[in-house]
C-alpha atoms as a PDB file:
ATOM      1  CA  UNK A   1      -1.343 -15.830  -3.832  1.00  0.00           C
ATOM      2  CA  UNK A   2      -4.914 -16.059  -5.125  1.00  0.00           C
ATOM      3  CA  UNK A   3      -4.090 -18.795  -7.680  1.00  0.00           C
ATOM      4  CA  UNK A   4      -5.706 -16.645 -10.362  1.00  0.00           C
ATOM      5  CA  UNK A   5      -3.532 -14.400 -12.540  1.00  0.00           C
ATOM      6  CA  UNK A   6      -6.594 -12.853 -14.184  1.00  0.00           C
ATOM      7  CA  UNK A   7      -7.797 -11.591 -10.821  1.00  0.00           C
ATOM      8  CA  UNK A   8      -4.344 -10.088 -10.279  1.00  0.00           C
ATOM      9  CA  UNK A   9      -4.641  -8.267 -13.608  1.00  0.00           C
ATOM     10  CA  UNK A  10      -8.102  -7.072 -12.615  1.00  0.00           C
ATOM     11  CA  UNK A  11      -6.832  -5.664  -9.308  1.00  0.00           C
ATOM     12  CA  UNK A  12      -3.967  -3.945 -11.159  1.00  0.00           C
ATOM     13  CA  UNK A  13      -6.313  -2.339 -13.704  1.00  0.00           C
ATOM     14  CA  UNK A  14      -8.641  -1.107 -10.946  1.00  0.00           C
ATOM     15  CA  UNK A  15      -5.612   0.323  -9.096  1.00  0.00           C
ATOM     16  CA  UNK A  16      -4.428   2.225 -12.166  1.00  0.00           C
ATOM     17  CA  UNK A  17      -7.900   3.636 -12.889  1.00  0.00           C
ATOM     18  CA  UNK A  18      -8.462   4.666  -9.259  1.00  0.00           C
ATOM     19  CA  UNK A  19      -5.023   6.286  -8.924  1.00  0.00           C
ATOM     20  CA  UNK A  20      -5.478   8.273 -12.131  1.00  0.00           C
ATOM     21  CA  UNK A  21      -9.024   9.268 -11.157  1.00  0.00           C
ATOM     22  CA  UNK A  22      -7.985  10.454  -7.683  1.00  0.00           C
ATOM     23  CA  UNK A  23      -5.051  12.366  -9.171  1.00  0.00           C
ATOM     24  CA  UNK A  24      -7.152  14.065 -11.851  1.00  0.00           C
ATOM     25  CA  UNK A  25      -9.967  14.980  -9.438  1.00  0.00           C
ATOM     26  CA  UNK A  26      -7.477  16.299  -6.872  1.00  0.00           C
ATOM     27  CA  UNK A  27      -5.758  18.366  -9.568  1.00  0.00           C
ATOM     28  CA  UNK A  28      -9.072  19.882 -10.723  1.00  0.00           C
ATOM     29  CA  UNK A  29     -10.086  20.734  -7.152  1.00  0.00           C
ATOM     30  CA  UNK A  30      -6.654  22.235  -6.441  1.00  0.00           C
ATOM     31  CA  UNK A  31      -6.900  24.501  -9.497  1.00  0.00           C
ATOM     32  CA  UNK A  32     -10.403  25.610  -8.545  1.00  0.00           C
ATOM     33  CA  UNK A  33      -9.141  26.571  -5.073  1.00  0.00           C
ATOM     34  CA  UNK A  34      -6.005  28.207  -6.536  1.00  0.00           C
ATOM     35  CA  UNK A  35      -3.711  26.001  -4.483  1.00  0.00           C
ATOM     36  CA  UNK A  36      -0.008  26.279  -5.230  1.00  0.00           C
ATOM     37  CA  UNK A  37       1.612  23.192  -6.675  1.00  0.00           C
ATOM     38  CA  UNK A  38       5.043  22.198  -5.417  1.00  0.00           C
ATOM     39  CA  UNK A  39       7.820  23.526  -7.532  1.00  0.00           C
ATOM     40  CA  UNK A  40      11.563  23.779  -7.084  1.00  0.00           C
ATOM     41  CA  UNK A  41      12.779  27.373  -7.450  1.00  0.00           C
ATOM     42  CA  UNK A  42      16.360  26.204  -7.945  1.00  0.00           C
ATOM     43  CA  UNK A  43      15.600  24.371 -11.174  1.00  0.00           C
ATOM     44  CA  UNK A  44      17.379  26.023 -14.065  1.00  0.00           C
ATOM     45  CA  UNK A  45      19.425  28.354 -11.859  1.00  0.00           C
ATOM     46  CA  UNK A  46      22.350  26.025 -11.281  1.00  0.00           C
ATOM     47  CA  UNK A  47      25.289  25.845 -13.626  1.00  0.00           C
ATOM     48  CA  UNK A  48      25.502  23.083 -16.199  1.00  0.00           C
ATOM     49  CA  UNK A  49      26.266  19.871 -14.285  1.00  0.00           C
ATOM     50  CA  UNK A  50      29.434  17.903 -14.876  1.00  0.00           C
ATOM     51  CA  UNK A  51      28.789  14.367 -16.137  1.00  0.00           C
ATOM     52  CA  UNK A  52      31.141  12.735 -13.645  1.00  0.00           C
ATOM     53  CA  UNK A  53      29.681  14.728 -10.719  1.00  0.00           C
ATOM     54  CA  UNK A  54      26.162  13.826 -11.824  1.00  0.00           C
ATOM     55  CA  UNK A  55      27.052  10.129 -11.999  1.00  0.00           C
ATOM     56  CA  UNK A  56      28.631  10.173  -8.529  1.00  0.00           C
ATOM     57  CA  UNK A  57      25.670  12.077  -7.060  1.00  0.00           C
ATOM     58  CA  UNK A  58      23.229   9.694  -8.708  1.00  0.00           C
ATOM     59  CA  UNK A  59      25.031   6.609  -7.361  1.00  0.00           C
ATOM     60  CA  UNK A  60      25.226   8.162  -3.900  1.00  0.00           C
ATOM     61  CA  UNK A  61      21.518   8.997  -3.798  1.00  0.00           C
ATOM     62  CA  UNK A  62      20.563   5.585  -5.155  1.00  0.00           C
ATOM     63  CA  UNK A  63      22.668   3.670  -2.628  1.00  0.00           C
ATOM     64  CA  UNK A  64      21.268   5.735   0.252  1.00  0.00           C
ATOM     65  CA  UNK A  65      17.702   5.122  -0.921  1.00  0.00           C
ATOM     66  CA  UNK A  66      18.287   1.366  -1.236  1.00  0.00           C
ATOM     67  CA  UNK A  67      19.782   1.190   2.269  1.00  0.00           C
ATOM     68  CA  UNK A  68      16.913   3.175   3.814  1.00  0.00           C
ATOM     69  CA  UNK A  69      14.193   1.194   2.011  1.00  0.00           C
ATOM     70  CA  UNK A  70      15.803  -2.146   2.887  1.00  0.00           C
ATOM     71  CA  UNK A  71      16.211  -1.078   6.518  1.00  0.00           C
ATOM     72  CA  UNK A  72      12.537  -0.103   6.706  1.00  0.00           C
ATOM     73  CA  UNK A  73      11.504  -3.537   5.443  1.00  0.00           C
ATOM     74  CA  UNK A  74      13.650  -5.245   8.081  1.00  0.00           C
ATOM     75  CA  UNK A  75      12.295  -2.955  10.822  1.00  0.00           C
ATOM     76  CA  UNK A  76       8.660  -3.540   9.889  1.00  0.00           C
ATOM     77  CA  UNK A  77       9.054  -7.306   9.489  1.00  0.00           C
ATOM     78  CA  UNK A  78      10.686  -7.409  12.916  1.00  0.00           C
ATOM     79  CA  UNK A  79       7.976  -5.191  14.403  1.00  0.00           C
ATOM     80  CA  UNK A  80       5.224  -7.395  12.967  1.00  0.00           C
ATOM     81  CA  UNK A  81       6.809 -10.569  14.374  1.00  0.00           C
ATOM     82  CA  UNK A  82       7.137  -8.925  17.800  1.00  0.00           C
ATOM     83  CA  UNK A  83       3.491  -7.832  17.716  1.00  0.00           C
ATOM     84  CA  UNK A  84       2.313 -11.273  16.576  1.00  0.00           C
ATOM     85  CA  UNK A  85       4.051 -12.870  19.549  1.00  0.00           C
ATOM     86  CA  UNK A  86       2.943 -10.263  22.089  1.00  0.00           C
ATOM     87  CA  UNK A  87       0.019  -7.879  21.549  1.00  0.00           C
ATOM     88  CA  UNK A  88      -1.624  -9.805  18.694  1.00  0.00           C
ATOM     89  CA  UNK A  89      -1.789 -13.211  20.389  1.00  0.00           C
ATOM     90  CA  UNK A  90      -5.140 -14.935  20.754  1.00  0.00           C
ATOM     91  CA  UNK A  91      -4.910 -14.804  24.554  1.00  0.00           C
ATOM     92  CA  UNK A  92      -4.953 -11.001  24.430  1.00  0.00           C
ATOM     93  CA  UNK A  93      -7.363 -10.570  21.508  1.00  0.00           C
ATOM     94  CA  UNK A  94      -9.878 -12.950  23.111  1.00  0.00           C
ATOM     95  CA  UNK A  95     -10.653 -10.126  25.537  1.00  0.00           C
ATOM     96  CA  UNK A  96     -11.885  -7.974  22.645  1.00  0.00           C
ATOM     97  CA  UNK A  97     -13.301 -10.471  20.119  1.00  0.00           C
ATOM     98  CA  UNK A  98     -15.657 -13.397  20.551  1.00  0.00           C
ATOM     99  CA  UNK A  99     -14.692 -15.565  17.561  1.00  0.00           C
ATOM    100  CA  UNK A 100     -11.522 -16.816  15.902  1.00  0.00           C
ATOM    101  CA  UNK A 101     -12.642 -15.320  12.584  1.00  0.00           C
ATOM    102  CA  UNK A 102     -12.869 -11.857  14.141  1.00  0.00           C
ATOM    103  CA  UNK A 103      -9.420 -12.277  15.670  1.00  0.00           C
ATOM    104  CA  UNK A 104      -7.888 -13.417  12.370  1.00  0.00           C
ATOM    105  CA  UNK A 105      -9.546 -10.584  10.446  1.00  0.00           C
ATOM    106  CA  UNK A 106      -8.320  -7.969  12.921  1.00  0.00           C
ATOM    107  CA  UNK A 107      -4.778  -9.387  12.819  1.00  0.00           C
ATOM    108  CA  UNK A 108      -4.657  -9.417   9.029  1.00  0.00           C
ATOM    109  CA  UNK A 109      -6.069  -5.879   8.694  1.00  0.00           C
ATOM    110  CA  UNK A 110      -3.668  -4.512  11.318  1.00  0.00           C
ATOM    111  CA  UNK A 111      -0.669  -6.201   9.702  1.00  0.00           C
ATOM    112  CA  UNK A 112      -1.795  -5.049   6.228  1.00  0.00           C
ATOM    113  CA  UNK A 113      -1.830  -1.457   7.456  1.00  0.00           C
ATOM    114  CA  UNK A 114       1.766  -1.829   8.616  1.00  0.00           C
ATOM    115  CA  UNK A 115       3.197  -3.813   5.681  1.00  0.00           C
ATOM    116  CA  UNK A 116       1.384  -4.922   2.549  1.00  0.00           C
ATOM    117  CA  UNK A 117       3.183  -8.183   1.722  1.00  0.00           C
ATOM    118  CA  UNK A 118       2.973  -9.518   5.274  1.00  0.00           C
ATOM    119  CA  UNK A 119      -0.713  -8.630   5.367  1.00  0.00           C
ATOM    120  CA  UNK A 120      -1.450 -10.424   2.088  1.00  0.00           C
ATOM    121  CA  UNK A 121       0.421 -13.528   3.263  1.00  0.00           C
ATOM    122  CA  UNK A 122      -1.497 -13.439   6.539  1.00  0.00           C
ATOM    123  CA  UNK A 123      -4.784 -13.355   4.600  1.00  0.00           C
ATOM    124  CA  UNK A 124      -3.827 -16.532   2.744  1.00  0.00           C
ATOM    125  CA  UNK A 125      -2.528 -18.395   5.812  1.00  0.00           C
ATOM    126  CA  UNK A 126      -5.584 -17.502   7.913  1.00  0.00           C
ATOM    127  CA  UNK A 127      -8.106 -17.958   5.059  1.00  0.00           C
ATOM    128  CA  UNK A 128      -9.353 -14.431   5.733  1.00  0.00           C
ATOM    129  CA  UNK A 129     -11.635 -12.483   3.359  1.00  0.00           C
ATOM    130  CA  UNK A 130      -9.930 -11.599   0.103  1.00  0.00           C
ATOM    131  CA  UNK A 131     -11.235  -8.062   0.448  1.00  0.00           C
ATOM    132  CA  UNK A 132      -8.402  -7.445   2.905  1.00  0.00           C
ATOM    133  CA  UNK A 133      -5.921  -8.117   0.097  1.00  0.00           C
ATOM    134  CA  UNK A 134      -7.720  -5.552  -2.045  1.00  0.00           C
ATOM    135  CA  UNK A 135      -7.398  -3.014   0.755  1.00  0.00           C
ATOM    136  CA  UNK A 136      -3.734  -3.885   1.374  1.00  0.00           C
ATOM    137  CA  UNK A 137      -2.840  -3.447  -2.297  1.00  0.00           C
ATOM    138  CA  UNK A 138      -4.759  -0.179  -2.511  1.00  0.00           C
ATOM    139  CA  UNK A 139      -3.374   1.258   0.725  1.00  0.00           C
ATOM    140  CA  UNK A 140       0.191   0.028   0.277  1.00  0.00           C
ATOM    141  CA  UNK A 141       1.156  -0.148   3.947  1.00  0.00           C
ATOM    142  CA  UNK A 142       2.911   2.381   6.190  1.00  0.00           C
ATOM    143  CA  UNK A 143       6.253   0.733   5.408  1.00  0.00           C
ATOM    144  CA  UNK A 144       5.887   1.560   1.708  1.00  0.00           C
ATOM    145  CA  UNK A 145       4.721   5.079   2.561  1.00  0.00           C
ATOM    146  CA  UNK A 146       7.881   5.710   4.582  1.00  0.00           C
ATOM    147  CA  UNK A 147       9.971   4.298   1.732  1.00  0.00           C
ATOM    148  CA  UNK A 148       8.383   6.790  -0.642  1.00  0.00           C
ATOM    149  CA  UNK A 149       8.954   9.610   1.842  1.00  0.00           C
ATOM    150  CA  UNK A 150      12.630   8.667   2.076  1.00  0.00           C
ATOM    151  CA  UNK A 151      12.990   9.212  -1.679  1.00  0.00           C
ATOM    152  CA  UNK A 152      11.696  12.786  -1.421  1.00  0.00           C
ATOM    153  CA  UNK A 153      14.053  13.522   1.472  1.00  0.00           C
ATOM    154  CA  UNK A 154      13.712  17.093   2.720  1.00  0.00           C
ATOM    155  CA  UNK A 155      11.434  18.187  -0.119  1.00  0.00           C
ATOM    156  CA  UNK A 156       7.917  19.466   0.500  1.00  0.00           C
ATOM    157  CA  UNK A 157       6.112  16.160   1.135  1.00  0.00           C
ATOM    158  CA  UNK A 158       2.924  16.073   3.221  1.00  0.00           C
ATOM    159  CA  UNK A 159       3.074  12.573   4.695  1.00  0.00           C
ATOM    160  CA  UNK A 160      -0.312  12.786   6.448  1.00  0.00           C
ATOM    161  CA  UNK A 161      -2.122  13.948   3.318  1.00  0.00           C
ATOM    162  CA  UNK A 162      -0.384  11.249   1.270  1.00  0.00           C
ATOM    163  CA  UNK A 163      -1.445   8.563   3.783  1.00  0.00           C
ATOM    164  CA  UNK A 164      -5.059   9.805   3.747  1.00  0.00           C
ATOM    165  CA  UNK A 165      -5.130   9.580  -0.049  1.00  0.00           C
ATOM    166  CA  UNK A 166      -3.695   6.051   0.084  1.00  0.00           C
ATOM    167  CA  UNK A 167      -6.338   5.106   2.661  1.00  0.00           C
ATOM    168  CA  UNK A 168      -9.012   6.454   0.343  1.00  0.00           C
ATOM    169  CA  UNK A 169      -7.513   4.452  -2.508  1.00  0.00           C
ATOM    170  CA  UNK A 170      -7.568   1.276  -0.390  1.00  0.00           C
ATOM    171  CA  UNK A 171     -11.210   1.718   0.609  1.00  0.00           C
ATOM    172  CA  UNK A 172     -12.232   2.447  -2.987  1.00  0.00           C
ATOM    173  CA  UNK A 173     -10.368  -0.676  -4.111  1.00  0.00           C
ATOM    174  CA  UNK A 174     -12.399  -2.789  -1.664  1.00  0.00           C
ATOM    175  CA  UNK A 175     -15.557  -1.200  -3.098  1.00  0.00           C
ATOM    176  CA  UNK A 176     -14.837  -1.340  -6.824  1.00  0.00           C
ATOM    177  CA  UNK A 177     -13.029  -4.670  -7.277  1.00  0.00           C
ATOM    178  CA  UNK A 178     -16.070  -6.739  -6.125  1.00  0.00           C
ATOM    179  CA  UNK A 179     -18.301  -4.584  -8.350  1.00  0.00           C
ATOM    180  CA  UNK A 180     -16.134  -5.374 -11.369  1.00  0.00           C
ATOM    181  CA  UNK A 181     -16.032  -9.033 -10.327  1.00  0.00           C
ATOM    182  CA  UNK A 182     -19.833  -9.119 -10.399  1.00  0.00           C
ATOM    183  CA  UNK A 183     -19.656  -8.015 -14.027  1.00  0.00           C
ATOM    184  CA  UNK A 184     -17.231 -10.881 -14.736  1.00  0.00           C
ATOM    185  CA  UNK A 185     -18.582 -13.879 -12.733  1.00  0.00           C
ATOM    186  CA  UNK A 186     -15.413 -15.873 -13.474  1.00  0.00           C
ATOM    187  CA  UNK A 187     -13.678 -14.010 -10.648  1.00  0.00           C
ATOM    188  CA  UNK A 188     -16.430 -14.406  -8.042  1.00  0.00           C
ATOM    189  CA  UNK A 189     -15.388 -17.761  -6.465  1.00  0.00           C
ATOM    190  CA  UNK A 190     -11.953 -16.380  -5.567  1.00  0.00           C
ATOM    191  CA  UNK A 191     -13.442 -13.440  -3.731  1.00  0.00           C
ATOM    192  CA  UNK A 192     -15.498 -15.591  -1.397  1.00  0.00           C
ATOM    193  CA  UNK A 193     -12.646 -17.336   0.376  1.00  0.00           C
ATOM    194  CA  UNK A 194      -8.893 -17.415  -0.083  1.00  0.00           C
ATOM    195  CA  UNK A 195      -8.872 -21.089   0.845  1.00  0.00           C
ATOM    196  CA  UNK A 196     -10.997 -21.894  -2.215  1.00  0.00           C
ATOM    197  CA  UNK A 197      -9.192 -22.617  -5.467  1.00  0.00           C
ATOM    198  CA  UNK A 198     -10.862 -21.056  -8.555  1.00  0.00           C
ATOM    199  CA  UNK A 199     -12.335 -23.450 -11.064  1.00  0.00           C
END
């Protein structure tokens, strides 16, 4: 999307470092506060599983997860298209914003919060600030969050806390990627405008 694979690698590296840092810091704070980590009491208590039963259960769980995740993508893409043709039209947003740039930025941020890929594409099509892509990649989008939740099923999964951590990760990505880009000036032109092709 950004016509610069090195910038993509840079964003990926920053994501990995931030995710590990947040995880390590959260783990240290949890131990200091003596918080209980999630653990399954049933592990090791069940009888030795049968290979055929395990294979069937694995295929069943996998197919269910694929169906749920695919359905969520369809639902969110449909929702975004409905919003773009109703609540996110310029006629409505003109009541709240004074410039086309403000309208485009709000649309791209809102869509990025819902679904990452749609948000990134919107940034490119509207020539919005590239920082929104950094946020979208760091946050992941509510659609992806629900997909992850569907994998855990009924297990102990705090969706609100998970979303807050992803929001923190997105904001830190917006902060740190430009800082790293200042260290490597080669990436700077891409950050200024998505409509500009890097030299």
